[in-house]
Amino acid sequence: MAEEKETAKKNKILLFGGTSEGRILAEETYGQWECHVYVATEEGAEFLPRVMSEQGLVHIGRLDAEQMAEQIRKYQPQFVMDATHPYAVEVSKNIKSACEKEYAEYLRVLRESSPVADGIMADNAEDAARILTENYRDSAVLLTTGSKELPAFAAVLSNNPKVFARILPGEENRHLAEDAGVLPEHILTGVGPFMEAQNLEVLQKYGIQVLVTKESGSRGGFAEKISAAGKAGADVIVIRRPVEEEGIRLERALEILRQNKSEATGNL
């Protein structure tokens, strides 16, 4: 019985993340593992292999630590991969806590950081809002920090009618933007990462003078935003990553999957 249980574990992975890294890992696992993928929104599931959704392997919705632990108990995975966004600190904390509670192996997949040659560094969204208030009170601003961070800019939005926000599609995200004070006509939607030309088109179309972004790494399209801002003559405010994390790079995560693939395939 114990051997059967251990064999079943070798067939299963839980993967958290609607990121580009998460999509790459999900594609790598399909057909080789029973991989359950957890994303917060419908948009996060959009680029996953459709067949995974059809087979009930994609789970949509935000989970707390206890709900994550329940999923670990239910599926008994060989390991849990955390490929969530580098700024999703609370989510990663919950995943790690659930793994510790259920004695599951936790693998944090890190996104490489990108050097920032130019730009004003901010410690967090509140600090970025302070910089805008003190130095760019009347400037046209583009916020690309995500809808969850927009409440931190409420005071900026209430005093400056030239603030735009680019967010993911979806009614929930639009409501968050409007509640924070973004004018409906200033809400821009799209799914990144965006190419330099796409960023430049937006910056020029709306006469953006200040771009506010997170240091989202190469896979998050960070370099393309910075280069577009340079070409458009826009200043850049960059929100630092919140913590230095320990973990593995995407390439190492893929290597781990491939090393275990033959054994997992034999048990399917």
Protein backbone atom coordinates (compact mmCIF):
# COMPACT_ATOMS: atom_id res chain seq x y z
CA MET A 1 0.00 0.00 0.00
CA ALA A 2 2.80 2.42 0.91
CA GLU A 3 4.53 1.63 -2.39
CA GLU A 4 1.32 2.32 -4.34
CA LYS A 5 0.90 5.65 -2.56
CA GLU A 6 4.49 6.65 -3.34
CA THR A 7 4.03 5.67 -7.01
CA ALA A 8 0.90 7.83 -7.22
CA LYS A 9 2.83 10.80 -5.82
CA LYS A 10 5.43 10.47 -8.56
CA ASN A 11 2.71 11.08 -11.13
CA LYS A 12 1.57 14.41 -9.70
CA ILE A 13 2.68 18.03 -9.45
CA LEU A 14 0.89 21.11 -8.20
CA LEU A 15 1.92 24.25 -10.09
CA PHE A 16 0.98 27.75 -8.92
CA GLY A 17 1.25 30.68 -11.29
CA GLY A 18 -0.49 32.43 -14.17
CA THR A 19 2.89 33.83 -15.22
CA SER A 20 4.87 33.19 -18.39
CA GLU A 21 7.07 30.83 -16.38
CA GLY A 22 3.97 28.97 -15.23
CA ARG A 23 2.78 28.56 -18.80
CA ILE A 24 6.15 27.18 -19.93
CA LEU A 25 6.24 24.71 -17.04
CA ALA A 26 2.64 23.62 -17.67
CA GLU A 27 3.44 22.92 -21.32
CA GLU A 28 6.49 20.91 -20.29
CA THR A 29 4.49 18.74 -17.89
CA TYR A 30 1.57 17.94 -20.15
CA GLY A 31 1.42 14.30 -21.14
CA GLN A 32 4.19 13.39 -18.70
CA TRP A 33 2.65 14.30 -15.35
CA GLU A 34 -0.72 14.79 -13.75
CA CYS A 35 -0.07 18.49 -13.28
CA HIS A 36 -2.69 20.61 -11.54
CA VAL A 37 -2.23 24.30 -12.33
CA TYR A 38 -3.58 27.02 -10.03
CA VAL A 39 -4.19 30.55 -11.32
CA ALA A 40 -6.00 33.45 -9.69
CA THR A 41 -8.06 34.62 -12.69
CA GLU A 42 -9.55 33.50 -15.99
CA GLU A 43 -6.90 35.59 -17.75
CA GLY A 44 -4.19 33.57 -16.04
CA ALA A 45 -5.62 30.39 -17.53
CA GLU A 46 -5.99 31.80 -21.03
CA PHE A 47 -2.57 30.76 -22.33
CA LEU A 48 -2.38 27.36 -20.68
CA PRO A 49 -2.84 24.31 -22.94
CA ARG A 50 -6.58 24.14 -23.60
CA VAL A 51 -6.61 20.39 -23.15
CA MET A 52 -5.49 20.86 -19.53
CA SER A 53 -8.60 22.89 -18.81
CA GLU A 54 -10.75 20.34 -20.58
CA GLN A 55 -9.33 17.60 -18.35
CA GLY A 56 -9.99 19.56 -15.16
CA LEU A 57 -6.32 20.22 -14.44
CA VAL A 58 -6.66 24.03 -14.30
CA HIS A 59 -8.03 25.53 -11.09
CA ILE A 60 -9.12 29.19 -11.16
CA GLY A 61 -9.52 31.31 -8.05
CA ARG A 62 -7.50 32.72 -5.18
CA LEU A 63 -6.69 30.29 -2.35
CA ASP A 64 -5.54 30.93 1.20
CA ALA A 65 -2.92 28.79 2.94
CA GLU A 66 -5.44 26.33 4.36
CA GLN A 67 -7.13 25.85 0.98
CA MET A 68 -3.73 25.23 -0.57
CA ALA A 69 -3.00 22.66 2.13
CA GLU A 70 -6.31 20.95 1.31
CA GLN A 71 -5.25 20.66 -2.33
CA ILE A 72 -1.92 19.15 -1.30
CA ARG A 73 -3.69 16.61 0.91
CA LYS A 74 -6.12 15.80 -1.89
CA TYR A 75 -3.60 15.20 -4.67
CA GLN A 76 -0.48 14.15 -2.71
CA PRO A 77 1.98 15.60 -5.24
CA GLN A 78 5.61 14.64 -5.57
CA PHE A 79 6.41 18.33 -5.31
CA VAL A 80 4.79 21.77 -5.51
CA MET A 81 6.14 24.40 -7.90
CA ASP A 82 5.61 28.07 -7.07
CA ALA A 83 5.93 30.07 -10.30
CA THR A 84 3.89 33.04 -9.12
CA HIS A 85 4.84 36.66 -9.81
CA PRO A 86 7.89 37.99 -7.90
CA TYR A 87 5.67 40.64 -6.30
CA ALA A 88 3.07 38.12 -5.08
CA VAL A 89 4.81 37.85 -1.72
CA GLU A 90 1.77 36.82 0.32
CA VAL A 91 0.83 34.11 -2.18
CA SER A 92 4.31 32.57 -2.08
CA LYS A 93 4.28 32.74 1.70
CA ASN A 94 0.98 30.84 1.76
CA ILE A 95 2.18 28.18 -0.68
CA LYS A 96 5.35 27.60 1.33
CA SER A 97 3.37 27.44 4.58
CA ALA A 98 0.94 24.89 3.09
CA CYS A 99 3.85 22.75 1.89
CA GLU A 100 5.48 22.83 5.32
CA LYS A 101 2.21 21.87 6.97
CA GLU A 102 1.69 18.90 4.62
CA TYR A 103 5.38 17.93 4.34
CA ALA A 104 5.35 18.53 0.57
CA GLU A 105 8.51 19.48 -1.32
CA TYR A 106 8.39 23.18 -2.24
CA LEU A 107 10.22 24.52 -5.30
CA ARG A 108 10.23 28.28 -5.80
CA VAL A 109 10.79 29.22 -9.45
CA LEU A 110 12.46 32.63 -9.60
CA ARG A 111 12.21 35.18 -12.35
CA GLU A 112 15.52 36.74 -13.28
CA SER A 113 15.81 40.40 -12.39
CA SER A 114 16.76 43.06 -14.92
CA PRO A 115 19.30 45.78 -14.24
CA VAL A 116 17.89 49.31 -14.09
CA ALA A 117 20.31 51.77 -15.64
CA ASP A 118 17.95 54.73 -15.61
CA GLY A 119 14.91 55.42 -13.54
CA ILE A 120 13.78 56.55 -10.12
CA MET A 121 13.61 53.68 -7.68
CA ALA A 122 10.65 53.37 -5.31
CA ASP A 123 10.41 50.99 -2.37
CA ASN A 124 6.74 50.18 -3.00
CA ALA A 125 3.57 51.53 -4.65
CA GLU A 126 3.01 54.03 -1.84
CA ASP A 127 6.53 55.38 -2.32
CA ALA A 128 5.95 55.65 -6.08
CA ALA A 129 2.75 57.61 -5.39
CA ARG A 130 4.71 59.97 -3.13
CA ILE A 131 7.27 60.57 -5.88
CA LEU A 132 4.50 61.35 -8.36
CA THR A 133 2.84 63.77 -5.94
CA GLU A 134 6.08 65.60 -5.15
CA ASN A 135 7.59 65.73 -8.65
CA TYR A 136 4.98 65.02 -11.33
CA ARG A 137 1.77 66.60 -10.08
CA ASP A 138 0.62 67.75 -13.54
CA SER A 139 2.32 65.16 -15.75
CA ALA A 140 0.65 62.53 -17.92
CA VAL A 141 1.30 59.23 -16.11
CA LEU A 142 0.96 55.59 -17.16
CA LEU A 143 0.64 53.09 -14.30
CA THR A 144 1.61 49.53 -15.27
CA THR A 145 1.77 48.12 -11.75
CA GLY A 146 -1.35 45.93 -11.91
CA SER A 147 -4.87 46.62 -10.68
CA LYS A 148 -4.19 45.49 -7.10
CA GLU A 149 -1.66 48.28 -6.59
CA LEU A 150 -3.93 51.06 -7.86
CA PRO A 151 -5.48 51.95 -4.47
CA ALA A 152 -2.04 53.20 -3.41
CA PHE A 153 -2.33 55.86 -6.13
CA ALA A 154 -5.81 57.07 -5.12
CA ALA A 155 -4.56 60.47 -3.95
CA VAL A 156 -2.58 60.94 -7.16
CA LEU A 157 -5.61 60.00 -9.24
CA SER A 158 -7.88 62.40 -7.38
CA ASN A 159 -5.56 65.34 -8.09
CA ASN A 160 -4.31 64.54 -11.57
CA PRO A 161 -6.78 63.89 -14.42
CA LYS A 162 -3.95 62.79 -16.72
CA VAL A 163 -3.24 59.40 -15.12
CA PHE A 164 -3.75 56.25 -17.20
CA ALA A 165 -3.59 52.65 -16.03
CA ARG A 166 -2.84 49.56 -18.11
CA ILE A 167 -4.36 46.46 -16.53
CA LEU A 168 -5.36 42.94 -17.41
CA PRO A 169 -8.81 42.52 -18.99
CA GLY A 170 -11.71 41.48 -16.77
CA GLU A 171 -14.54 43.12 -14.88
CA GLU A 172 -12.89 42.64 -11.49
CA ASN A 173 -9.75 44.46 -12.60
CA ARG A 174 -11.79 47.25 -14.21
CA HIS A 175 -13.77 47.72 -11.00
CA LEU A 176 -10.55 47.92 -8.97
CA ALA A 177 -9.25 50.60 -11.33
CA GLU A 178 -12.45 52.64 -11.24
CA ASP A 179 -12.71 52.34 -7.45
CA ALA A 180 -9.17 53.70 -7.15
CA GLY A 181 -10.19 56.70 -9.24
CA VAL A 182 -8.98 55.88 -12.75
CA LEU A 183 -11.27 57.52 -15.30
CA PRO A 184 -13.07 54.86 -17.38
CA GLU A 185 -11.63 56.28 -20.60
CA HIS A 186 -8.14 56.09 -19.08
CA ILE A 187 -8.29 52.37 -18.40
CA LEU A 188 -6.18 50.47 -20.95
CA THR A 189 -6.41 46.70 -21.04
CA GLY A 190 -4.18 44.04 -22.52
CA VAL A 191 -2.25 40.88 -21.76
CA GLY A 192 1.53 41.22 -21.72
CA PRO A 193 4.38 40.98 -22.01
CA PHE A 194 4.31 43.80 -24.57
CA MET A 195 6.86 44.45 -27.28
CA GLU A 196 8.78 47.71 -27.33
CA ALA A 197 6.75 48.97 -30.31
CA GLN A 198 3.47 48.30 -28.48
CA ASN A 199 4.67 50.19 -25.42
CA LEU A 200 5.95 53.08 -27.51
CA GLU A 201 2.64 53.34 -29.35
CA VAL A 202 0.75 53.72 -26.06
CA LEU A 203 3.23 56.22 -24.60
CA GLN A 204 3.10 58.41 -27.68
CA LYS A 205 -0.65 58.12 -28.22
CA TYR A 206 -1.44 59.43 -24.73
CA GLY A 207 1.53 61.79 -24.40
CA ILE A 208 2.86 59.92 -21.38
CA GLN A 209 5.58 61.76 -19.49
CA VAL A 210 6.06 59.31 -16.61
CA LEU A 211 5.90 55.53 -16.68
CA VAL A 212 5.44 53.66 -13.39
CA THR A 213 6.34 49.98 -13.47
CA LYS A 214 7.54 47.05 -11.41
CA GLU A 215 10.89 45.38 -12.03
CA SER A 216 9.20 42.40 -13.64
CA GLY A 217 12.24 40.87 -15.35
CA SER A 218 12.89 39.86 -18.93
CA ARG A 219 9.92 37.51 -19.13
CA GLY A 220 7.65 40.27 -17.84
CA GLY A 221 8.62 42.65 -20.64
CA PHE A 222 10.50 45.03 -18.34
CA ALA A 223 13.32 45.89 -20.76
CA GLU A 224 10.82 46.63 -23.54
CA LYS A 225 9.00 49.12 -21.31
CA ILE A 226 12.21 50.85 -20.30
CA SER A 227 13.49 51.14 -23.85
CA ALA A 228 10.12 52.44 -25.08
CA ALA A 229 10.08 55.06 -22.33
CA GLY A 230 13.54 56.17 -23.40
CA LYS A 231 12.41 56.59 -27.00
CA ALA A 232 9.29 58.46 -25.91
CA GLY A 233 11.26 60.76 -23.62
CA ALA A 234 9.30 59.61 -20.56
CA ASP A 235 10.72 59.38 -17.07
CA VAL A 236 10.48 56.01 -15.33
CA ILE A 237 9.64 55.14 -11.74
CA VAL A 238 10.54 51.55 -10.90
CA ILE A 239 9.09 49.76 -7.87
CA ARG A 240 11.75 47.52 -6.38
CA ARG A 241 11.13 43.84 -5.81
CA PRO A 242 9.85 43.40 -2.26
CA VAL A 243 12.22 40.67 -1.05
CA GLU A 244 15.28 38.70 -2.04
CA GLU A 245 14.10 35.13 -2.50
CA GLU A 246 15.78 31.75 -2.52
CA GLY A 247 14.80 29.35 -5.26
CA ILE A 248 15.64 28.00 -8.69
CA ARG A 249 15.61 29.50 -12.16
CA LEU A 250 13.16 28.41 -14.82
CA GLU A 251 15.87 26.47 -16.65
CA ARG A 252 16.61 24.43 -13.54
CA ALA A 253 12.89 23.78 -12.97
CA LEU A 254 12.57 22.46 -16.53
CA GLU A 255 15.65 20.30 -15.96
CA ILE A 256 14.08 18.80 -12.83
CA LEU A 257 10.92 17.96 -14.76
CA ARG A 258 12.89 16.34 -17.58
CA GLN A 259 15.05 14.35 -15.18
CA ASN A 260 11.96 12.92 -13.55
CA LYS A 261 9.99 12.54 -16.79
CA SER A 262 10.88 8.95 -17.65
CA GLU A 263 10.04 7.72 -14.17
CA ALA A 264 6.75 9.64 -14.13
CA THR A 265 5.82 8.43 -17.62
CA GLY A 266 6.38 4.86 -16.61
CA ASN A 267 3.88 5.24 -13.79
CA LEU A 268 1.10 6.92 -15.80
